[in-house]
PDB file of N, CA and C in Angstrom:
ATOM      1  N   MET A   1     136.509 -32.722 -19.626  1.00  0.00           N
ATOM      2  CA  MET A   1     136.789 -33.973 -20.319  1.00  0.00           C
ATOM      3  C   MET A   1     135.566 -34.356 -21.144  1.00  0.00           C
ATOM      4  N   SER A   2     135.812 -35.007 -22.210  1.00  0.00           N
ATOM      5  CA  SER A   2     134.747 -35.397 -23.128  1.00  0.00           C
ATOM      6  C   SER A   2     133.804 -36.402 -22.482  1.00  0.00           C
ATOM      7  N   ILE A   3     132.524 -36.301 -22.821  1.00  0.00           N
ATOM      8  CA  ILE A   3     131.554 -37.246 -22.275  1.00  0.00           C
ATOM      9  C   ILE A   3     131.699 -38.630 -22.874  1.00  0.00           C
ATOM     10  N   VAL A   4     132.536 -38.755 -23.887  1.00  0.00           N
ATOM     11  CA  VAL A   4     132.772 -40.064 -24.497  1.00  0.00           C
ATOM     12  C   VAL A   4     133.565 -40.954 -23.549  1.00  0.00           C
ATOM     13  N   PHE A   5     134.392 -40.351 -22.704  1.00  0.00           N
ATOM     14  CA  PHE A   5     135.242 -41.120 -21.810  1.00  0.00           C
ATOM     15  C   PHE A   5     134.458 -41.495 -20.556  1.00  0.00           C
ATOM     16  N   VAL A   6     133.832 -42.619 -20.628  1.00  0.00           N
ATOM     17  CA  VAL A   6     133.009 -43.116 -19.530  1.00  0.00           C
ATOM     18  C   VAL A   6     133.757 -44.263 -18.872  1.00  0.00           C
ATOM     19  N   PRO A   7     133.769 -44.337 -17.531  1.00  0.00           N
ATOM     20  CA  PRO A   7     134.435 -45.461 -16.863  1.00  0.00           C
ATOM     21  C   PRO A   7     133.882 -46.800 -17.345  1.00  0.00           C
ATOM     22  N   LYS A   8     134.755 -47.816 -17.376  1.00  0.00           N
ATOM     23  CA  LYS A   8     134.380 -49.122 -17.907  1.00  0.00           C
ATOM     24  C   LYS A   8     133.140 -49.692 -17.244  1.00  0.00           C
ATOM     25  N   LYS A   9     133.012 -49.526 -15.920  1.00  0.00           N
ATOM     26  CA  LYS A   9     131.858 -50.110 -15.229  1.00  0.00           C
ATOM     27  C   LYS A   9     130.537 -49.457 -15.627  1.00  0.00           C
ATOM     28  N   GLN A  10     130.584 -48.256 -16.189  1.00  0.00           N
ATOM     29  CA  GLN A  10     129.372 -47.574 -16.614  1.00  0.00           C
ATOM     30  C   GLN A  10     129.090 -47.728 -18.100  1.00  0.00           C
ATOM     31  N   ARG A  11     130.037 -48.288 -18.834  1.00  0.00           N
ATOM     32  CA  ARG A  11     129.832 -48.450 -20.269  1.00  0.00           C
ATOM     33  C   ARG A  11     128.684 -49.411 -20.516  1.00  0.00           C
ATOM     34  N   GLY A  12     127.912 -49.105 -21.494  1.00  0.00           N
ATOM     35  CA  GLY A  12     126.774 -49.948 -21.828  1.00  0.00           C
ATOM     36  C   GLY A  12     125.527 -49.583 -21.051  1.00  0.00           C
ATOM     37  N   THR A  13     125.670 -48.827 -19.961  1.00  0.00           N
ATOM     38  CA  THR A  13     124.509 -48.425 -19.179  1.00  0.00           C
ATOM     39  C   THR A  13     124.072 -47.001 -19.517  1.00  0.00           C
ATOM     40  N   ALA A  14     124.919 -46.287 -20.234  1.00  0.00           N
ATOM     41  CA  ALA A  14     124.572 -44.913 -20.596  1.00  0.00           C
ATOM     42  C   ALA A  14     123.466 -44.916 -21.647  1.00  0.00           C
ATOM     43  N   LYS A  15     122.522 -44.033 -21.455  1.00  0.00           N
ATOM     44  CA  LYS A  15     121.424 -43.888 -22.417  1.00  0.00           C
ATOM     45  C   LYS A  15     121.878 -42.951 -23.526  1.00  0.00           C
ATOM     46  N   ILE A  16     121.757 -43.427 -24.733  1.00  0.00           N
ATOM     47  CA  ILE A  16     122.084 -42.591 -25.883  1.00  0.00           C
ATOM     48  C   ILE A  16     120.787 -41.951 -26.350  1.00  0.00           C
ATOM     49  N   ASN A  17     120.699 -40.656 -26.167  1.00  0.00           N
ATOM     50  CA  ASN A  17     119.497 -39.946 -26.580  1.00  0.00           C
ATOM     51  C   ASN A  17     119.888 -38.682 -27.336  1.00  0.00           C
ATOM     52  N   GLN A  18     118.916 -37.974 -27.783  1.00  0.00           N
ATOM     53  CA  GLN A  18     119.147 -36.766 -28.573  1.00  0.00           C
ATOM     54  C   GLN A  18     119.962 -35.741 -27.795  1.00  0.00           C
ATOM     55  N   GLU A  19     119.744 -35.648 -26.494  1.00  0.00           N
ATOM     56  CA  GLU A  19     120.468 -34.683 -25.666  1.00  0.00           C
ATOM     57  C   GLU A  19     121.966 -35.017 -25.623  1.00  0.00           C
ATOM     58  N   THR A  20     122.288 -36.287 -25.468  1.00  0.00           N
ATOM     59  CA  THR A  20     123.689 -36.720 -25.444  1.00  0.00           C
ATOM     60  C   THR A  20     124.360 -36.429 -26.780  1.00  0.00           C
ATOM     61  N   ILE A  21     123.680 -36.754 -27.853  1.00  0.00           N
ATOM     62  CA  ILE A  21     124.224 -36.502 -29.184  1.00  0.00           C
ATOM     63  C   ILE A  21     124.432 -35.006 -29.395  1.00  0.00           C
ATOM     64  N   GLN A  22     123.466 -34.203 -28.969  1.00  0.00           N
ATOM     65  CA  GLN A  22     123.591 -32.752 -29.127  1.00  0.00           C
ATOM     66  C   GLN A  22     124.758 -32.209 -28.318  1.00  0.00           C
ATOM     67  N   ARG A  23     124.965 -32.739 -27.103  1.00  0.00           N
ATOM     68  CA  ARG A  23     126.101 -32.285 -26.294  1.00  0.00           C
ATOM     69  C   ARG A  23     127.423 -32.608 -26.989  1.00  0.00           C
ATOM     70  N   LEU A  24     127.498 -33.791 -27.606  1.00  0.00           N
ATOM     71  CA  LEU A  24     128.711 -34.144 -28.345  1.00  0.00           C
ATOM     72  C   LEU A  24     128.917 -33.227 -29.544  1.00  0.00           C
ATOM     73  N   LEU A  25     127.855 -32.935 -30.259  1.00  0.00           N
ATOM     74  CA  LEU A  25     127.968 -32.031 -31.404  1.00  0.00           C
ATOM     75  C   LEU A  25     128.399 -30.635 -30.962  1.00  0.00           C
ATOM     76  N   ASP A  26     127.841 -30.165 -29.856  1.00  0.00           N
ATOM     77  CA  ASP A  26     128.237 -28.857 -29.323  1.00  0.00           C
ATOM     78  C   ASP A  26     129.696 -28.870 -28.881  1.00  0.00           C
ATOM     79  N   GLU A  27     130.098 -29.968 -28.235  1.00  0.00           N
ATOM     80  CA  GLU A  27     131.490 -30.097 -27.812  1.00  0.00           C
ATOM     81  C   GLU A  27     132.412 -30.112 -29.025  1.00  0.00           C
ATOM     82  N   ASN A  28     132.013 -30.829 -30.074  1.00  0.00           N
ATOM     83  CA  ASN A  28     132.822 -30.867 -31.299  1.00  0.00           C
ATOM     84  C   ASN A  28     132.959 -29.483 -31.903  1.00  0.00           C
ATOM     85  N   ASP A  29     131.880 -28.727 -31.898  1.00  0.00           N
ATOM     86  CA  ASP A  29     131.925 -27.361 -32.418  1.00  0.00           C
ATOM     87  C   ASP A  29     132.940 -26.537 -31.636  1.00  0.00           C
ATOM     88  N   GLN A  30     132.915 -26.653 -30.317  1.00  0.00           N
ATOM     89  CA  GLN A  30     133.854 -25.913 -29.471  1.00  0.00           C
ATOM     90  C   GLN A  30     135.294 -26.385 -29.704  1.00  0.00           C
ATOM     91  N   LEU A  31     135.480 -27.691 -29.854  1.00  0.00           N
ATOM     92  CA  LEU A  31     136.815 -28.225 -30.129  1.00  0.00           C
ATOM     93  C   LEU A  31     137.356 -27.684 -31.447  1.00  0.00           C
ATOM     94  N   ILE A  32     136.507 -27.650 -32.462  1.00  0.00           N
ATOM     95  CA  ILE A  32     136.924 -27.147 -33.771  1.00  0.00           C
ATOM     96  C   ILE A  32     137.323 -25.677 -33.676  1.00  0.00           C
ATOM     97  N   ARG A  33     136.552 -24.906 -32.948  1.00  0.00           N
ATOM     98  CA  ARG A  33     136.881 -23.486 -32.774  1.00  0.00           C
ATOM     99  C   ARG A  33     138.217 -23.319 -32.048  1.00  0.00           C
ATOM    100  N   CYS A  34     138.429 -24.130 -31.026  1.00  0.00           N
ATOM    101  CA  CYS A  34     139.670 -24.059 -30.255  1.00  0.00           C
ATOM    102  C   CYS A  34     140.862 -24.469 -31.119  1.00  0.00           C
ATOM    103  N   ILE A  35     140.718 -25.554 -31.861  1.00  0.00           N
ATOM    104  CA  ILE A  35     141.789 -26.016 -32.746  1.00  0.00           C
ATOM    105  C   ILE A  35     142.117 -24.951 -33.784  1.00  0.00           C
ATOM    106  N   THR A  36     141.088 -24.366 -34.364  1.00  0.00           N
ATOM    107  CA  THR A  36     141.295 -23.326 -35.381  1.00  0.00           C
ATOM    108  C   THR A  36     142.024 -22.127 -34.792  1.00  0.00           C
ATOM    109  N   GLU A  37     141.628 -21.733 -33.588  1.00  0.00           N
ATOM    110  CA  GLU A  37     142.278 -20.599 -32.930  1.00  0.00           C
ATOM    111  C   GLU A  37     143.754 -20.881 -32.672  1.00  0.00           C
ATOM    112  N   TYR A  38     144.059 -22.071 -32.162  1.00  0.00           N
ATOM    113  CA  TYR A  38     145.455 -22.435 -31.932  1.00  0.00           C
ATOM    114  C   TYR A  38     146.249 -22.469 -33.242  1.00  0.00           C
ATOM    115  N   MET A  39     145.623 -23.001 -34.295  1.00  0.00           N
ATOM    116  CA  MET A  39     146.304 -23.070 -35.586  1.00  0.00           C
ATOM    117  C   MET A  39     146.603 -21.668 -36.116  1.00  0.00           C
ATOM    118  N   GLN A  40     145.661 -20.754 -35.952  1.00  0.00           N
ATOM    119  CA  GLN A  40     145.865 -19.383 -36.424  1.00  0.00           C
ATOM    120  C   GLN A  40     146.996 -18.700 -35.666  1.00  0.00           C
ATOM    121  N   LYS A  41     147.200 -19.116 -34.425  1.00  0.00           N
ATOM    122  CA  LYS A  41     148.279 -18.553 -33.618  1.00  0.00           C
ATOM    123  C   LYS A  41     149.596 -19.285 -33.829  1.00  0.00           C
ATOM    124  N   GLY A  42     149.580 -20.288 -34.714  1.00  0.00           N
ATOM    125  CA  GLY A  42     150.798 -21.038 -34.997  1.00  0.00           C
ATOM    126  C   GLY A  42     151.178 -22.016 -33.908  1.00  0.00           C
ATOM    127  N   ARG A  43     150.225 -22.448 -33.118  1.00  0.00           N
ATOM    128  CA  ARG A  43     150.487 -23.352 -31.997  1.00  0.00           C
ATOM    129  C   ARG A  43     149.915 -24.741 -32.288  1.00  0.00           C
ATOM    130  N   ALA A  44     150.420 -25.337 -33.352  1.00  0.00           N
ATOM    131  CA  ALA A  44     149.903 -26.628 -33.819  1.00  0.00           C
ATOM    132  C   ALA A  44     150.095 -27.739 -32.798  1.00  0.00           C
ATOM    133  N   VAL A  45     151.165 -27.695 -32.031  1.00  0.00           N
ATOM    134  CA  VAL A  45     151.441 -28.747 -31.049  1.00  0.00           C
ATOM    135  C   VAL A  45     150.321 -28.836 -30.014  1.00  0.00           C
ATOM    136  N   GLU A  46     149.798 -27.689 -29.591  1.00  0.00           N
ATOM    137  CA  GLU A  46     148.723 -27.675 -28.600  1.00  0.00           C
ATOM    138  C   GLU A  46     147.418 -28.251 -29.148  1.00  0.00           C
ATOM    139  N   CYS A  47     147.290 -28.283 -30.459  1.00  0.00           N
ATOM    140  CA  CYS A  47     146.061 -28.778 -31.096  1.00  0.00           C
ATOM    141  C   CYS A  47     145.892 -30.281 -30.983  1.00  0.00           C
ATOM    142  N   VAL A  48     146.966 -30.998 -30.817  1.00  0.00           N
ATOM    143  CA  VAL A  48     146.926 -32.458 -30.896  1.00  0.00           C
ATOM    144  C   VAL A  48     145.942 -33.060 -29.905  1.00  0.00           C
ATOM    145  N   GLN A  49     145.962 -32.622 -28.660  1.00  0.00           N
ATOM    146  CA  GLN A  49     145.055 -33.203 -27.665  1.00  0.00           C
ATOM    147  C   GLN A  49     143.590 -32.952 -28.033  1.00  0.00           C
ATOM    148  N   TYR A  50     143.305 -31.775 -28.559  1.00  0.00           N
ATOM    149  CA  TYR A  50     141.934 -31.459 -28.956  1.00  0.00           C
ATOM    150  C   TYR A  50     141.533 -32.237 -30.202  1.00  0.00           C
ATOM    151  N   GLN A  51     142.478 -32.440 -31.093  1.00  0.00           N
ATOM    152  CA  GLN A  51     142.197 -33.230 -32.289  1.00  0.00           C
ATOM    153  C   GLN A  51     141.897 -34.681 -31.932  1.00  0.00           C
ATOM    154  N   GLN A  52     142.593 -35.209 -30.937  1.00  0.00           N
ATOM    155  CA  GLN A  52     142.337 -36.582 -30.501  1.00  0.00           C
ATOM    156  C   GLN A  52     140.942 -36.715 -29.914  1.00  0.00           C
ATOM    157  N   ILE A  53     140.538 -35.761 -29.102  1.00  0.00           N
ATOM    158  CA  ILE A  53     139.199 -35.794 -28.514  1.00  0.00           C
ATOM    159  C   ILE A  53     138.150 -35.660 -29.612  1.00  0.00           C
ATOM    160  N   LEU A  54     138.382 -34.734 -30.547  1.00  0.00           N
ATOM    161  CA  LEU A  54     137.458 -34.550 -31.658  1.00  0.00           C
ATOM    162  C   LEU A  54     137.330 -35.838 -32.466  1.00  0.00           C
ATOM    163  N   HIS A  55     138.445 -36.472 -32.736  1.00  0.00           N
ATOM    164  CA  HIS A  55     138.431 -37.726 -33.493  1.00  0.00           C
ATOM    165  C   HIS A  55     137.615 -38.788 -32.760  1.00  0.00           C
ATOM    166  N   ARG A  56     137.841 -38.946 -31.470  1.00  0.00           N
ATOM    167  CA  ARG A  56     137.091 -39.938 -30.693  1.00  0.00           C
ATOM    168  C   ARG A  56     135.596 -39.630 -30.694  1.00  0.00           C
ATOM    169  N   ASN A  57     135.260 -38.348 -30.545  1.00  0.00           N
ATOM    170  CA  ASN A  57     133.842 -37.963 -30.574  1.00  0.00           C
ATOM    171  C   ASN A  57     133.206 -38.303 -31.919  1.00  0.00           C
ATOM    172  N   ILE A  58     133.922 -38.013 -32.999  1.00  0.00           N
ATOM    173  CA  ILE A  58     133.381 -38.277 -34.334  1.00  0.00           C
ATOM    174  C   ILE A  58     133.220 -39.771 -34.557  1.00  0.00           C
ATOM    175  N   VAL A  59     134.205 -40.559 -34.132  1.00  0.00           N
ATOM    176  CA  VAL A  59     134.096 -42.012 -34.263  1.00  0.00           C
ATOM    177  C   VAL A  59     132.922 -42.524 -33.441  1.00  0.00           C
ATOM    178  N   TYR A  60     132.773 -42.008 -32.228  1.00  0.00           N
ATOM    179  CA  TYR A  60     131.671 -42.417 -31.355  1.00  0.00           C
ATOM    180  C   TYR A  60     130.318 -42.077 -31.993  1.00  0.00           C
ATOM    181  N   LEU A  61     130.196 -40.868 -32.515  1.00  0.00           N
ATOM    182  CA  LEU A  61     128.944 -40.474 -33.172  1.00  0.00           C
ATOM    183  C   LEU A  61     128.680 -41.329 -34.409  1.00  0.00           C
ATOM    184  N   GLY A  62     129.728 -41.648 -35.140  1.00  0.00           N
ATOM    185  CA  GLY A  62     129.576 -42.518 -36.307  1.00  0.00           C
ATOM    186  C   GLY A  62     129.108 -43.905 -35.913  1.00  0.00           C
ATOM    187  N   THR A  63     129.640 -44.414 -34.815  1.00  0.00           N
ATOM    188  CA  THR A  63     129.234 -45.727 -34.315  1.00  0.00           C
ATOM    189  C   THR A  63     127.770 -45.711 -33.916  1.00  0.00           C
ATOM    190  N   ILE A  64     127.349 -44.652 -33.252  1.00  0.00           N
ATOM    191  CA  ILE A  64     125.937 -44.519 -32.868  1.00  0.00           C
ATOM    192  C   ILE A  64     125.069 -44.469 -34.114  1.00  0.00           C
ATOM    193  N   ALA A  65     125.483 -43.675 -35.092  1.00  0.00           N
ATOM    194  CA  ALA A  65     124.696 -43.529 -36.320  1.00  0.00           C
ATOM    195  C   ALA A  65     124.587 -44.856 -37.064  1.00  0.00           C
ATOM    196  N   ASP A  66     125.686 -45.605 -37.120  1.00  0.00           N
ATOM    197  CA  ASP A  66     125.659 -46.894 -37.817  1.00  0.00           C
ATOM    198  C   ASP A  66     124.758 -47.904 -37.115  1.00  0.00           C
ATOM    199  N   ALA A  67     124.704 -47.832 -35.788  1.00  0.00           N
ATOM    200  CA  ALA A  67     123.927 -48.807 -35.014  1.00  0.00           C
ATOM    201  C   ALA A  67     122.473 -48.399 -34.850  1.00  0.00           C
ATOM    202  N   SER A  68     122.164 -47.162 -35.182  1.00  0.00           N
ATOM    203  CA  SER A  68     120.827 -46.640 -34.935  1.00  0.00           C
ATOM    204  C   SER A  68     119.904 -46.840 -36.128  1.00  0.00           C
ATOM    205  N   PRO A  69     118.720 -47.416 -35.874  1.00  0.00           N
ATOM    206  CA  PRO A  69     117.746 -47.532 -36.963  1.00  0.00           C
ATOM    207  C   PRO A  69     117.100 -46.194 -37.290  1.00  0.00           C
ATOM    208  N   GLU A  70     117.166 -45.266 -36.338  1.00  0.00           N
ATOM    209  CA  GLU A  70     116.572 -43.941 -36.529  1.00  0.00           C
ATOM    210  C   GLU A  70     117.499 -43.105 -37.404  1.00  0.00           C
ATOM    211  N   THR A  71     116.941 -42.416 -38.370  1.00  0.00           N
ATOM    212  CA  THR A  71     117.778 -41.644 -39.292  1.00  0.00           C
ATOM    213  C   THR A  71     117.631 -40.138 -39.141  1.00  0.00           C
ATOM    214  N   SER A  72     116.874 -39.672 -38.150  1.00  0.00           N
ATOM    215  CA  SER A  72     116.717 -38.225 -38.002  1.00  0.00           C
ATOM    216  C   SER A  72     117.998 -37.617 -37.463  1.00  0.00           C
ATOM    217  N   LEU A  73     118.339 -36.439 -37.967  1.00  0.00           N
ATOM    218  CA  LEU A  73     119.542 -35.738 -37.564  1.00  0.00           C
ATOM    219  C   LEU A  73     119.166 -34.538 -36.704  1.00  0.00           C
ATOM    220  N   PRO A  74     120.081 -34.124 -35.817  1.00  0.00           N
ATOM    221  CA  PRO A  74     119.817 -32.928 -35.022  1.00  0.00           C
ATOM    222  C   PRO A  74     119.621 -31.716 -35.923  1.00  0.00           C
ATOM    223  N   SER A  75     118.894 -30.742 -35.415  1.00  0.00           N
ATOM    224  CA  SER A  75     118.559 -29.573 -36.223  1.00  0.00           C
ATOM    225  C   SER A  75     119.788 -28.796 -36.683  1.00  0.00           C
ATOM    226  N   ASN A  76     120.862 -28.792 -35.903  1.00  0.00           N
ATOM    227  CA  ASN A  76     122.050 -28.032 -36.292  1.00  0.00           C
ATOM    228  C   ASN A  76     123.140 -28.932 -36.880  1.00  0.00           C
ATOM    229  N   PHE A  77     122.763 -30.100 -37.370  1.00  0.00           N
ATOM    230  CA  PHE A  77     123.736 -31.024 -37.936  1.00  0.00           C
ATOM    231  C   PHE A  77     124.505 -30.374 -39.086  1.00  0.00           C
ATOM    232  N   SER A  78     123.808 -29.704 -39.985  1.00  0.00           N
ATOM    233  CA  SER A  78     124.492 -29.110 -41.137  1.00  0.00           C
ATOM    234  C   SER A  78     125.451 -28.006 -40.694  1.00  0.00           C
ATOM    235  N   GLU A  79     125.106 -27.245 -39.653  1.00  0.00           N
ATOM    236  CA  GLU A  79     126.012 -26.221 -39.129  1.00  0.00           C
ATOM    237  C   GLU A  79     127.301 -26.851 -38.626  1.00  0.00           C
ATOM    238  N   ASN A  80     127.166 -27.964 -37.885  1.00  0.00           N
ATOM    239  CA  ASN A  80     128.337 -28.650 -37.357  1.00  0.00           C
ATOM    240  C   ASN A  80     129.196 -29.218 -38.474  1.00  0.00           C
ATOM    241  N   MET A  81     128.572 -29.717 -39.519  1.00  0.00           N
ATOM    242  CA  MET A  81     129.329 -30.264 -40.638  1.00  0.00           C
ATOM    243  C   MET A  81     130.083 -29.149 -41.367  1.00  0.00           C
ATOM    244  N   VAL A  82     129.466 -27.988 -41.504  1.00  0.00           N
ATOM    245  CA  VAL A  82     130.139 -26.849 -42.139  1.00  0.00           C
ATOM    246  C   VAL A  82     131.351 -26.447 -41.295  1.00  0.00           C
ATOM    247  N   SER A  83     131.183 -26.394 -39.976  1.00  0.00           N
ATOM    248  CA  SER A  83     132.303 -26.059 -39.094  1.00  0.00           C
ATOM    249  C   SER A  83     133.421 -27.076 -39.235  1.00  0.00           C
ATOM    250  N   PHE A  84     133.050 -28.348 -39.275  1.00  0.00           N
ATOM    251  CA  PHE A  84     134.044 -29.406 -39.405  1.00  0.00           C
ATOM    252  C   PHE A  84     134.804 -29.283 -40.720  1.00  0.00           C
ATOM    253  N   HIS A  85     134.098 -29.028 -41.816  1.00  0.00           N
ATOM    254  CA  HIS A  85     134.759 -28.905 -43.114  1.00  0.00           C
ATOM    255  C   HIS A  85     135.658 -27.674 -43.167  1.00  0.00           C
ATOM    256  N   LYS A  86     135.249 -26.587 -42.534  1.00  0.00           N
ATOM    257  CA  LYS A  86     136.109 -25.400 -42.474  1.00  0.00           C
ATOM    258  C   LYS A  86     137.383 -25.715 -41.698  1.00  0.00           C
ATOM    259  N   TYR A  87     137.225 -26.442 -40.596  1.00  0.00           N
ATOM    260  CA  TYR A  87     138.386 -26.843 -39.806  1.00  0.00           C
ATOM    261  C   TYR A  87     139.326 -27.693 -40.648  1.00  0.00           C
ATOM    262  N   ARG A  88     138.780 -28.674 -41.368  1.00  0.00           N
ATOM    263  CA  ARG A  88     139.603 -29.563 -42.201  1.00  0.00           C
ATOM    264  C   ARG A  88     140.345 -28.779 -43.270  1.00  0.00           C
ATOM    265  N   GLN A  89     139.644 -27.855 -43.922  1.00  0.00           N
ATOM    266  CA  GLN A  89     140.288 -27.049 -44.961  1.00  0.00           C
ATOM    267  C   GLN A  89     141.424 -26.221 -44.371  1.00  0.00           C
ATOM    268  N   HIS A  90     141.163 -25.613 -43.221  1.00  0.00           N
ATOM    269  CA  HIS A  90     142.175 -24.789 -42.569  1.00  0.00           C
ATOM    270  C   HIS A  90     143.378 -25.645 -42.172  1.00  0.00           C
ATOM    271  N   TRP A  91     143.110 -26.816 -41.596  1.00  0.00           N
ATOM    272  CA  TRP A  91     144.169 -27.714 -41.158  1.00  0.00           C
ATOM    273  C   TRP A  91     145.040 -28.143 -42.345  1.00  0.00           C
ATOM    274  N   HIS A  92     144.403 -28.532 -43.455  1.00  0.00           N
ATOM    275  CA  HIS A  92     145.155 -28.962 -44.624  1.00  0.00           C
ATOM    276  C   HIS A  92     145.979 -27.819 -45.198  1.00  0.00           C
ATOM    277  N   LEU A  93     145.432 -26.628 -45.200  1.00  0.00           N
ATOM    278  CA  LEU A  93     146.162 -25.467 -45.696  1.00  0.00           C
ATOM    279  C   LEU A  93     147.393 -25.200 -44.835  1.00  0.00           C
ATOM    280  N   GLN A  94     147.208 -25.212 -43.508  1.00  0.00           N
ATOM    281  CA  GLN A  94     148.316 -24.965 -42.593  1.00  0.00           C
ATOM    282  C   GLN A  94     149.391 -26.042 -42.735  1.00  0.00           C
ATOM    283  N   THR A  95     148.966 -27.291 -42.831  1.00  0.00           N
ATOM    284  CA  THR A  95     149.914 -28.398 -42.954  1.00  0.00           C
ATOM    285  C   THR A  95     150.683 -28.301 -44.268  1.00  0.00           C
ATOM    286  N   SER A  96     149.985 -27.971 -45.335  1.00  0.00           N
ATOM    287  CA  SER A  96     150.637 -27.834 -46.647  1.00  0.00           C
ATOM    288  C   SER A  96     151.671 -26.709 -46.628  1.00  0.00           C
ATOM    289  N   GLN A  97     151.312 -25.591 -46.020  1.00  0.00           N
ATOM    290  CA  GLN A  97     152.233 -24.469 -45.957  1.00  0.00           C
ATOM    291  C   GLN A  97     153.486 -24.832 -45.158  1.00  0.00           C
ATOM    292  N   LYS A  98     153.305 -25.560 -44.060  1.00  0.00           N
ATOM    293  CA  LYS A  98     154.452 -25.940 -43.235  1.00  0.00           C
ATOM    294  C   LYS A  98     155.325 -26.949 -43.972  1.00  0.00           C
ATOM    295  N   ASN A  99     154.708 -27.847 -44.716  1.00  0.00           N
ATOM    296  CA  ASN A  99     155.487 -28.817 -45.491  1.00  0.00           C
ATOM    297  C   ASN A  99     156.302 -28.121 -46.570  1.00  0.00           C
ATOM    298  N   ILE A 100     155.710 -27.126 -47.199  1.00  0.00           N
ATOM    299  CA  ILE A 100     156.409 -26.374 -48.255  1.00  0.00           C
ATOM    300  C   ILE A 100     157.594 -25.617 -47.650  1.00  0.00           C
ATOM    301  N   LEU A 101     157.381 -25.055 -46.459  1.00  0.00           N
ATOM    302  CA  LEU A 101     158.433 -24.283 -45.810  1.00  0.00           C
ATOM    303  C   LEU A 101     159.445 -25.168 -45.088  1.00  0.00           C
ATOM    304  N   GLY A 102     159.138 -26.466 -45.004  1.00  0.00           N
ATOM    305  CA  GLY A 102     160.057 -27.394 -44.340  1.00  0.00           C
ATOM    306  C   GLY A 102     160.012 -27.316 -42.837  1.00  0.00           C
ATOM    307  N   LEU A 103     158.890 -26.897 -42.287  1.00  0.00           N
ATOM    308  CA  LEU A 103     158.748 -26.798 -40.821  1.00  0.00           C
ATOM    309  C   LEU A 103     158.266 -28.085 -40.229  1.00  0.00           C
TER     310      LEU A 103
END
């Protein structure tokens, strides 16, 4: 389960540090790879749960970035962004093809 899903009683007590952010970025990378693999196998329905987790992670990271006065990015930030953009391109291509075919 994603580290973003923290029980309510622990919310606000979690320390947001570089290690936590890196774990989320690594998890996002793995989610993107899994989603891409399922899409390549034509199993789009199975992707939904992973896409939801990925979306929540991205929103959470965005919230941290907006609230943080520190502007330094993790060393592999650009790698993760490239993976994310490849996933988006693949997803849009697959969706477009299915719409054209009426699936």
